[in-house]
Amino acid sequence: MAVLTGGSETTTATAWWKTAIKWICGIEKQVQLTAHQKAQMTSLDEVPFYRTLCSVNALALMAVAVFFCAFFA
């Protein structure tokens, strides 16, 4: 990576193929995250209501699937 200085701005020039790969993958810019933001993004905390709702939905879908398998077997 070469750093080009033009006037008061400092821009970073990358190879064209790296820019193309980043564009195809949807990575336009890389944002620096703070430690708090990183901890929040990697946290496994769950809201109890949504955890229960997801479990109830999973049980209902499994019951429907078992019913259809038994009915059409």
N, C-alpha and C. Protein backbone atom coordinates (compact mmCIF):
# COMPACT_ATOMS: atom_id res chain seq x y z
N MET A 1 0.83 -1.17 0.00
CA MET A 1 0.00 0.00 0.00
C MET A 1 0.88 1.23 0.00
N ALA A 2 0.62 2.12 -0.91
CA ALA A 2 1.40 3.34 -0.98
C ALA A 2 0.56 4.50 -0.46
N VAL A 3 1.20 5.38 0.25
CA VAL A 3 0.51 6.56 0.78
C VAL A 3 0.92 7.75 -0.08
N LEU A 4 -0.09 8.37 -0.68
CA LEU A 4 0.16 9.52 -1.52
C LEU A 4 -0.26 10.77 -0.77
N THR A 5 0.59 11.77 -0.82
CA THR A 5 0.24 13.03 -0.16
C THR A 5 0.04 14.08 -1.23
N GLY A 6 -1.10 14.68 -1.21
CA GLY A 6 -1.39 15.75 -2.16
C GLY A 6 -1.94 16.94 -1.41
N GLY A 7 -1.16 17.94 -1.20
CA GLY A 7 -1.62 19.10 -0.45
C GLY A 7 -1.77 18.75 1.02
N SER A 8 -2.93 19.08 1.58
CA SER A 8 -3.14 18.83 3.00
C SER A 8 -3.82 17.48 3.23
N GLU A 9 -4.31 16.82 2.17
CA GLU A 9 -4.98 15.54 2.31
C GLU A 9 -3.99 14.39 2.19
N THR A 10 -4.27 13.32 2.93
CA THR A 10 -3.49 12.10 2.81
C THR A 10 -4.45 11.00 2.37
N THR A 11 -4.20 10.43 1.21
CA THR A 11 -5.05 9.35 0.71
C THR A 11 -4.22 8.10 0.58
N THR A 12 -4.89 6.97 0.67
CA THR A 12 -4.22 5.69 0.56
C THR A 12 -4.61 5.05 -0.76
N ALA A 13 -3.62 4.73 -1.58
CA ALA A 13 -3.87 4.08 -2.86
C ALA A 13 -3.65 2.59 -2.71
N THR A 14 -4.61 1.80 -3.18
CA THR A 14 -4.48 0.35 -3.15
C THR A 14 -4.46 -0.17 -4.57
N ALA A 15 -4.07 -1.40 -4.71
CA ALA A 15 -4.04 -2.02 -6.03
C ALA A 15 -5.45 -2.11 -6.59
N TRP A 16 -5.59 -2.07 -7.90
CA TRP A 16 -6.91 -2.09 -8.53
C TRP A 16 -7.63 -3.40 -8.26
N TRP A 17 -6.89 -4.50 -8.17
CA TRP A 17 -7.55 -5.79 -7.96
C TRP A 17 -8.07 -5.92 -6.54
N LYS A 18 -7.38 -5.30 -5.56
CA LYS A 18 -7.88 -5.31 -4.19
C LYS A 18 -9.16 -4.49 -4.09
N THR A 19 -9.18 -3.35 -4.77
CA THR A 19 -10.37 -2.52 -4.78
C THR A 19 -11.53 -3.26 -5.44
N ALA A 20 -11.27 -3.98 -6.52
CA ALA A 20 -12.31 -4.74 -7.22
C ALA A 20 -12.86 -5.86 -6.35
N ILE A 21 -11.99 -6.57 -5.65
CA ILE A 21 -12.44 -7.66 -4.78
C ILE A 21 -13.27 -7.10 -3.64
N LYS A 22 -12.84 -6.01 -3.04
CA LYS A 22 -13.60 -5.40 -1.96
C LYS A 22 -14.96 -4.91 -2.46
N TRP A 23 -15.01 -4.38 -3.68
CA TRP A 23 -16.27 -3.91 -4.24
C TRP A 23 -17.22 -5.08 -4.49
N ILE A 24 -16.70 -6.19 -5.02
CA ILE A 24 -17.53 -7.38 -5.28
C ILE A 24 -18.04 -7.96 -3.98
N CYS A 25 -17.22 -7.98 -2.95
CA CYS A 25 -17.62 -8.54 -1.66
C CYS A 25 -18.49 -7.58 -0.84
N GLY A 26 -18.61 -6.35 -1.28
CA GLY A 26 -19.45 -5.39 -0.58
C GLY A 26 -18.75 -4.65 0.54
N ILE A 27 -17.44 -4.66 0.51
CA ILE A 27 -16.67 -3.97 1.54
C ILE A 27 -16.17 -2.66 0.94
N GLU A 28 -16.87 -1.59 1.22
CA GLU A 28 -16.47 -0.30 0.67
C GLU A 28 -15.37 0.33 1.53
N LYS A 29 -15.67 0.50 2.79
CA LYS A 29 -14.72 1.10 3.71
C LYS A 29 -14.66 0.27 4.97
N GLN A 30 -13.52 0.22 5.59
CA GLN A 30 -13.40 -0.46 6.86
C GLN A 30 -13.43 0.57 7.96
N VAL A 31 -14.42 0.44 8.83
CA VAL A 31 -14.61 1.39 9.92
C VAL A 31 -13.93 0.84 11.17
N GLN A 32 -13.19 1.67 11.84
CA GLN A 32 -12.54 1.27 13.08
C GLN A 32 -13.58 1.32 14.20
N LEU A 33 -13.74 0.22 14.89
CA LEU A 33 -14.70 0.14 15.99
C LEU A 33 -14.00 0.35 17.32
N THR A 34 -14.74 0.92 18.26
CA THR A 34 -14.19 1.07 19.60
C THR A 34 -14.29 -0.26 20.34
N ALA A 35 -13.65 -0.36 21.46
CA ALA A 35 -13.68 -1.60 22.24
C ALA A 35 -15.10 -1.91 22.71
N HIS A 36 -15.85 -0.87 23.07
CA HIS A 36 -17.23 -1.07 23.51
C HIS A 36 -18.10 -1.60 22.37
N GLN A 37 -17.93 -1.08 21.16
CA GLN A 37 -18.70 -1.54 20.01
C GLN A 37 -18.35 -2.98 19.65
N LYS A 38 -17.06 -3.34 19.73
CA LYS A 38 -16.66 -4.72 19.47
C LYS A 38 -17.26 -5.67 20.49
N ALA A 39 -17.24 -5.28 21.75
CA ALA A 39 -17.81 -6.12 22.80
C ALA A 39 -19.31 -6.27 22.62
N GLN A 40 -19.98 -5.21 22.18
CA GLN A 40 -21.42 -5.27 21.97
C GLN A 40 -21.77 -6.15 20.77
N MET A 41 -20.97 -6.12 19.73
CA MET A 41 -21.24 -6.93 18.54
C MET A 41 -20.99 -8.41 18.78
N THR A 42 -20.04 -8.74 19.62
CA THR A 42 -19.70 -10.14 19.86
C THR A 42 -20.37 -10.71 21.10
N SER A 43 -21.27 -9.94 21.70
CA SER A 43 -21.95 -10.39 22.91
C SER A 43 -22.99 -11.46 22.58
N LEU A 44 -23.17 -12.41 23.47
CA LEU A 44 -24.15 -13.47 23.30
C LEU A 44 -25.37 -13.27 24.20
N ASP A 45 -25.55 -12.06 24.71
CA ASP A 45 -26.70 -11.77 25.56
C ASP A 45 -27.99 -11.86 24.75
N GLU A 46 -29.03 -12.42 25.36
CA GLU A 46 -30.32 -12.56 24.70
C GLU A 46 -31.40 -11.93 25.57
N VAL A 47 -32.42 -11.43 24.92
CA VAL A 47 -33.59 -10.94 25.63
C VAL A 47 -34.45 -12.16 25.94
N PRO A 48 -34.82 -12.38 27.20
CA PRO A 48 -35.57 -13.60 27.56
C PRO A 48 -36.87 -13.78 26.78
N PHE A 49 -37.57 -12.69 26.47
CA PHE A 49 -38.83 -12.80 25.73
C PHE A 49 -38.59 -13.40 24.35
N TYR A 50 -37.59 -12.91 23.63
CA TYR A 50 -37.32 -13.40 22.27
C TYR A 50 -36.76 -14.82 22.29
N ARG A 51 -36.00 -15.17 23.32
CA ARG A 51 -35.51 -16.53 23.44
C ARG A 51 -36.68 -17.49 23.60
N THR A 52 -37.65 -17.14 24.46
CA THR A 52 -38.82 -17.97 24.68
C THR A 52 -39.68 -18.03 23.42
N LEU A 53 -39.87 -16.91 22.75
CA LEU A 53 -40.67 -16.87 21.53
C LEU A 53 -40.06 -17.77 20.45
N CYS A 54 -38.77 -17.74 20.31
CA CYS A 54 -38.08 -18.57 19.32
C CYS A 54 -38.23 -20.05 19.67
N SER A 55 -38.13 -20.40 20.94
CA SER A 55 -38.29 -21.79 21.36
C SER A 55 -39.71 -22.29 21.11
N VAL A 56 -40.70 -21.47 21.41
CA VAL A 56 -42.10 -21.86 21.19
C VAL A 56 -42.36 -22.04 19.70
N ASN A 57 -41.84 -21.14 18.88
CA ASN A 57 -42.01 -21.27 17.42
C ASN A 57 -41.35 -22.54 16.90
N ALA A 58 -40.17 -22.87 17.42
CA ALA A 58 -39.48 -24.08 16.99
C ALA A 58 -40.29 -25.32 17.35
N LEU A 59 -40.86 -25.36 18.55
CA LEU A 59 -41.68 -26.49 18.95
C LEU A 59 -42.94 -26.61 18.09
N ALA A 60 -43.57 -25.49 17.78
CA ALA A 60 -44.76 -25.51 16.94
C ALA A 60 -44.44 -26.02 15.54
N LEU A 61 -43.33 -25.56 14.96
CA LEU A 61 -42.95 -26.02 13.63
C LEU A 61 -42.59 -27.50 13.63
N MET A 62 -41.94 -27.97 14.68
CA MET A 62 -41.63 -29.40 14.76
C MET A 62 -42.90 -30.22 14.89
N ALA A 63 -43.88 -29.73 15.64
CA ALA A 63 -45.15 -30.45 15.78
C ALA A 63 -45.87 -30.52 14.44
N VAL A 64 -45.88 -29.45 13.68
CA VAL A 64 -46.50 -29.45 12.36
C VAL A 64 -45.78 -30.42 11.43
N ALA A 65 -44.47 -30.42 11.48
CA ALA A 65 -43.70 -31.33 10.62
C ALA A 65 -43.98 -32.79 10.96
N VAL A 66 -44.04 -33.12 12.25
CA VAL A 66 -44.34 -34.50 12.66
C VAL A 66 -45.75 -34.87 12.23
N PHE A 67 -46.71 -33.94 12.36
CA PHE A 67 -48.08 -34.21 11.94
C PHE A 67 -48.13 -34.53 10.44
N PHE A 68 -47.47 -33.70 9.62
CA PHE A 68 -47.49 -33.94 8.19
C PHE A 68 -46.81 -35.26 7.83
N CYS A 69 -45.69 -35.57 8.48
CA CYS A 69 -45.01 -36.84 8.20
C CYS A 69 -45.91 -38.03 8.59
N ALA A 70 -46.59 -37.94 9.70
CA ALA A 70 -47.47 -39.04 10.15
C ALA A 70 -48.71 -39.12 9.28
N PHE A 71 -49.26 -38.00 8.88
CA PHE A 71 -50.49 -37.98 8.09
C PHE A 71 -50.28 -38.53 6.69
N PHE A 72 -49.19 -38.16 6.05
CA PHE A 72 -48.95 -38.56 4.67
C PHE A 72 -48.11 -39.83 4.55
N ALA A 73 -47.72 -40.44 5.64
CA ALA A 73 -46.91 -41.66 5.58
C ALA A 73 -47.76 -42.87 5.34
